[in-house]
Amino acid sequence: MEQKQFTETEALDLIACVFDRNLRRMHFVRGELFVFWGLLLSLTALAEYGLYRWTGDARVLWSWFVPLAGGYIWSAYNRRRRALVRTGFDNLLILVWTFPAMLSAASIVYAVTVPGNTMNPVGTTQLLLSVALLTTAEFFRGKGSNHSGPFVALQMLAILGIVLAFNLTFRMPFDAASGRWMLHLGAYGILLVALPGLILRHIARRPCSRS
């Protein structure tokens, strides 16, 4: 029997199709999950800012644990209801994002509770989320996708977050009492989590191509 010889172009197209099919079959960590947590972060930051401006009491900021716990419960319930299975790829992505998220939360708590603190927790969050996004984009691209445009967009968002952190956020004096840092945090939740989620969702739904 004659064996079919693949050209380089056909081999690349085959790899791209396999990647795209596997990406669409991801069970747990999908673009929608990034969109959900990005919007949750932004809406929580805006709600906390409103509560703080309304009451003038910094203790209301501890209420951010409520939407965080609600989001975790919803994710677990949705996973169980839809019988979603976490793959090894899912577990890797969860680790890539969980530790930066935990460190970001710790930096915010430290900045708000320590009197006279000058460390800007928004800048720290920007750096951590940008590195997680850059790692995610590189990992996806390294699996064999030919969707170069969307992955360049993910990388550019991550680099933009890093540049803004050093050239804008860390240059501004941190004023915990004003509460404006929560508005900045909400903006970066959209830029570095929700928007990349939309891009990943687009990648997963595109037919395999060499674009």
Protein backbone atom coordinates (compact mmCIF):
# COMPACT_ATOMS: atom_id res chain seq x y z
CA MET A 1 0.00 0.00 0.00
CA GLU A 2 1.29 3.40 -0.98
CA GLN A 3 1.90 5.72 1.95
CA LYS A 4 0.71 9.30 1.54
CA GLN A 5 3.48 11.87 1.78
CA PHE A 6 2.50 15.13 3.48
CA THR A 7 3.94 18.40 2.33
CA GLU A 8 5.10 20.93 4.92
CA THR A 9 2.02 23.06 4.30
CA GLU A 10 -0.34 20.09 4.73
CA ALA A 11 1.46 19.04 7.92
CA LEU A 12 1.12 22.54 9.39
CA ASP A 13 -2.56 22.62 8.47
CA LEU A 14 -3.08 19.23 10.10
CA ILE A 15 -1.36 20.39 13.31
CA ALA A 16 -3.50 23.53 13.33
CA CYS A 17 -6.70 21.50 12.91
CA VAL A 18 -5.74 19.12 15.74
CA PHE A 19 -4.95 22.08 18.00
CA ASP A 20 -8.23 23.83 17.19
CA ARG A 21 -10.24 20.65 17.77
CA ASN A 22 -8.57 20.07 21.14
CA LEU A 23 -9.07 23.71 22.12
CA ARG A 24 -12.78 23.50 21.36
CA ARG A 25 -13.00 20.31 23.42
CA MET A 26 -11.50 21.89 26.54
CA HIS A 27 -13.91 21.02 29.31
CA PHE A 28 -13.45 23.47 32.15
CA VAL A 29 -11.14 26.40 31.45
CA ARG A 30 -12.59 28.25 28.47
CA GLY A 31 -12.70 31.84 27.29
CA GLU A 32 -16.08 32.24 28.98
CA LEU A 33 -14.46 31.55 32.36
CA PHE A 34 -11.97 34.39 31.83
CA VAL A 35 -14.81 36.71 30.81
CA PHE A 36 -16.80 35.75 33.91
CA TRP A 37 -13.97 36.37 36.38
CA GLY A 38 -12.83 39.52 34.61
CA LEU A 39 -16.31 41.02 34.76
CA LEU A 40 -16.71 39.85 38.35
CA LEU A 41 -13.46 41.58 39.32
CA SER A 42 -14.43 44.81 37.58
CA LEU A 43 -18.01 44.93 38.86
CA THR A 44 -16.84 44.11 42.39
CA ALA A 45 -14.27 46.92 42.28
CA LEU A 46 -16.91 49.38 41.09
CA ALA A 47 -19.40 48.21 43.74
CA GLU A 48 -16.78 48.50 46.49
CA TYR A 49 -15.91 51.99 45.32
CA GLY A 50 -19.59 52.97 45.45
CA LEU A 51 -20.04 51.48 48.91
CA TYR A 52 -16.93 53.19 50.20
CA ARG A 53 -17.92 56.59 48.83
CA TRP A 54 -21.42 56.17 50.22
CA THR A 55 -20.48 55.05 53.74
CA GLY A 56 -17.00 56.54 54.14
CA ASP A 57 -16.07 53.48 56.19
CA ALA A 58 -13.14 51.38 54.94
CA ARG A 59 -14.55 48.32 56.71
CA VAL A 60 -17.14 47.88 53.93
CA LEU A 61 -14.29 46.87 51.64
CA TRP A 62 -14.19 43.46 53.34
CA SER A 63 -17.47 42.71 51.56
CA TRP A 64 -15.45 41.80 48.44
CA PHE A 65 -15.25 38.28 49.90
CA VAL A 66 -18.97 37.83 49.16
CA PRO A 67 -18.80 38.04 45.32
CA LEU A 68 -15.53 36.11 45.38
CA ALA A 69 -17.14 33.24 47.29
CA GLY A 70 -20.24 33.51 45.09
CA GLY A 71 -18.14 33.25 41.93
CA TYR A 72 -16.33 30.19 43.23
CA ILE A 73 -19.58 28.50 44.22
CA TRP A 74 -21.11 29.30 40.83
CA SER A 75 -18.08 27.89 39.00
CA ALA A 76 -18.18 24.68 41.03
CA TYR A 77 -21.95 24.34 40.57
CA ASN A 78 -21.75 24.98 36.83
CA ARG A 79 -18.99 22.43 36.48
CA ARG A 80 -21.01 19.80 38.34
CA ARG A 81 -24.30 20.62 36.59
CA ARG A 82 -22.77 20.34 33.14
CA ALA A 83 -20.59 17.38 34.13
CA LEU A 84 -17.46 19.26 33.10
CA VAL A 85 -14.16 17.44 33.56
CA ARG A 86 -10.91 19.20 34.38
CA THR A 87 -8.10 18.06 32.13
CA GLY A 88 -4.38 18.36 32.78
CA PHE A 89 -4.38 21.43 30.55
CA ASP A 90 -7.15 22.95 32.68
CA ASN A 91 -5.21 22.27 35.88
CA LEU A 92 -2.13 23.96 34.45
CA LEU A 93 -4.07 27.10 33.49
CA ILE A 94 -5.76 27.19 36.88
CA LEU A 95 -2.34 27.17 38.58
CA VAL A 96 -1.04 29.86 36.21
CA TRP A 97 -3.89 32.17 37.26
CA THR A 98 -4.63 31.11 40.85
CA PHE A 99 -1.31 32.11 42.38
CA PRO A 100 -1.23 35.60 40.77
CA ALA A 101 -4.85 36.11 41.85
CA MET A 102 -4.04 35.13 45.45
CA LEU A 103 -0.95 37.36 45.54
CA SER A 104 -2.95 40.23 44.06
CA ALA A 105 -5.64 39.86 46.73
CA ALA A 106 -2.97 39.71 49.45
CA SER A 107 -1.30 42.88 48.14
CA ILE A 108 -4.64 44.73 48.16
CA VAL A 109 -5.43 43.63 51.72
CA TYR A 110 -1.93 44.67 52.84
CA ALA A 111 -2.14 48.06 51.13
CA VAL A 112 -5.52 48.88 52.66
CA THR A 113 -4.89 47.62 56.20
CA VAL A 114 -1.35 48.90 56.79
CA PRO A 115 -1.34 52.62 57.73
CA GLY A 116 1.00 54.78 55.69
CA ASN A 117 1.53 52.12 53.05
CA THR A 118 2.96 53.47 49.78
CA MET A 119 2.91 50.25 47.72
CA ASN A 120 0.34 50.48 44.93
CA PRO A 121 -1.55 47.15 44.87
CA VAL A 122 -3.05 47.94 41.46
CA GLY A 123 0.41 47.98 39.90
CA THR A 124 1.25 44.68 41.57
CA THR A 125 -2.00 43.19 40.27
CA GLN A 126 -1.25 44.50 36.78
CA LEU A 127 2.15 42.84 36.74
CA LEU A 128 0.91 39.51 38.07
CA LEU A 129 -2.08 39.29 35.73
CA SER A 130 0.03 40.42 32.76
CA VAL A 131 2.62 37.70 33.39
CA ALA A 132 -0.16 35.11 33.74
CA LEU A 133 -1.70 36.30 30.47
CA LEU A 134 1.64 36.24 28.68
CA THR A 135 2.30 32.71 29.96
CA THR A 136 -1.16 31.58 28.85
CA ALA A 137 -0.72 33.04 25.36
CA GLU A 138 2.70 31.44 24.92
CA PHE A 139 1.46 28.08 26.17
CA PHE A 140 -1.49 28.08 23.77
CA ARG A 141 0.69 29.18 20.87
CA GLY A 142 3.27 26.55 21.68
CA LYS A 143 0.66 23.81 21.30
CA GLY A 144 0.69 24.28 17.53
CA SER A 145 -1.93 26.88 16.65
CA ASN A 146 -1.55 28.94 13.48
CA HIS A 147 -3.92 31.66 14.69
CA SER A 148 -1.06 34.15 14.93
CA GLY A 149 -3.19 37.32 14.96
CA PRO A 150 -5.25 36.61 18.10
CA PHE A 151 -2.21 35.34 19.99
CA VAL A 152 -0.27 38.50 19.11
CA ALA A 153 -3.24 40.45 20.49
CA LEU A 154 -3.02 38.51 23.77
CA GLN A 155 0.71 39.16 23.99
CA MET A 156 0.24 42.86 23.24
CA LEU A 157 -2.38 43.15 26.01
CA ALA A 158 0.02 41.50 28.47
CA ILE A 159 2.90 43.78 27.44
CA LEU A 160 0.60 46.81 27.64
CA GLY A 161 -0.31 45.86 31.21
CA ILE A 162 3.37 45.62 32.18
CA VAL A 163 4.26 48.93 30.49
CA LEU A 164 1.34 50.75 32.12
CA ALA A 165 2.28 49.32 35.52
CA PHE A 166 5.82 50.73 35.43
CA ASN A 167 5.14 53.94 33.51
CA LEU A 168 1.81 54.95 35.00
CA THR A 169 0.51 53.04 38.02
CA PHE A 170 3.69 52.83 40.10
CA ARG A 171 4.46 56.48 39.34
CA MET A 172 1.22 57.62 40.97
CA PRO A 173 1.25 57.99 44.78
CA PHE A 174 -1.05 55.42 46.35
CA ASP A 175 -3.91 57.06 48.20
CA ALA A 176 -6.01 54.38 49.91
CA ALA A 177 -8.41 56.96 51.35
CA SER A 178 -9.54 58.32 47.98
CA GLY A 179 -10.67 54.93 46.70
CA ARG A 180 -9.83 55.82 43.09
CA TRP A 181 -7.48 52.87 42.92
CA MET A 182 -10.57 50.63 42.85
CA LEU A 183 -11.65 52.26 39.58
CA HIS A 184 -8.22 51.52 38.12
CA LEU A 185 -8.49 47.93 39.34
CA GLY A 186 -11.84 47.58 37.62
CA ALA A 187 -10.41 48.87 34.34
CA TYR A 188 -7.56 46.37 34.41
CA GLY A 189 -9.98 43.54 35.18
CA ILE A 190 -11.55 44.26 31.79
CA LEU A 191 -8.25 44.80 29.97
CA LEU A 192 -6.25 41.85 31.33
CA VAL A 193 -8.89 39.20 32.07
CA ALA A 194 -12.27 39.77 30.39
CA LEU A 195 -10.96 41.00 27.02
CA PRO A 196 -8.40 38.15 26.73
CA GLY A 197 -11.29 35.78 27.51
CA LEU A 198 -13.19 37.10 24.49
CA ILE A 199 -10.09 36.58 22.33
CA LEU A 200 -9.63 33.00 23.60
CA ARG A 201 -13.31 32.36 22.96
CA HIS A 202 -12.86 33.62 19.41
CA ILE A 203 -9.82 31.37 18.89
CA ALA A 204 -11.70 28.31 20.10
CA ARG A 205 -14.61 28.96 17.73
CA ARG A 206 -12.59 29.70 14.60
CA PRO A 207 -12.22 26.93 12.05
CA CYS A 208 -8.64 25.76 11.59
CA SER A 209 -6.77 28.02 9.22
CA ARG A 210 -3.28 29.27 8.66
CA SER A 211 -4.11 32.89 9.38
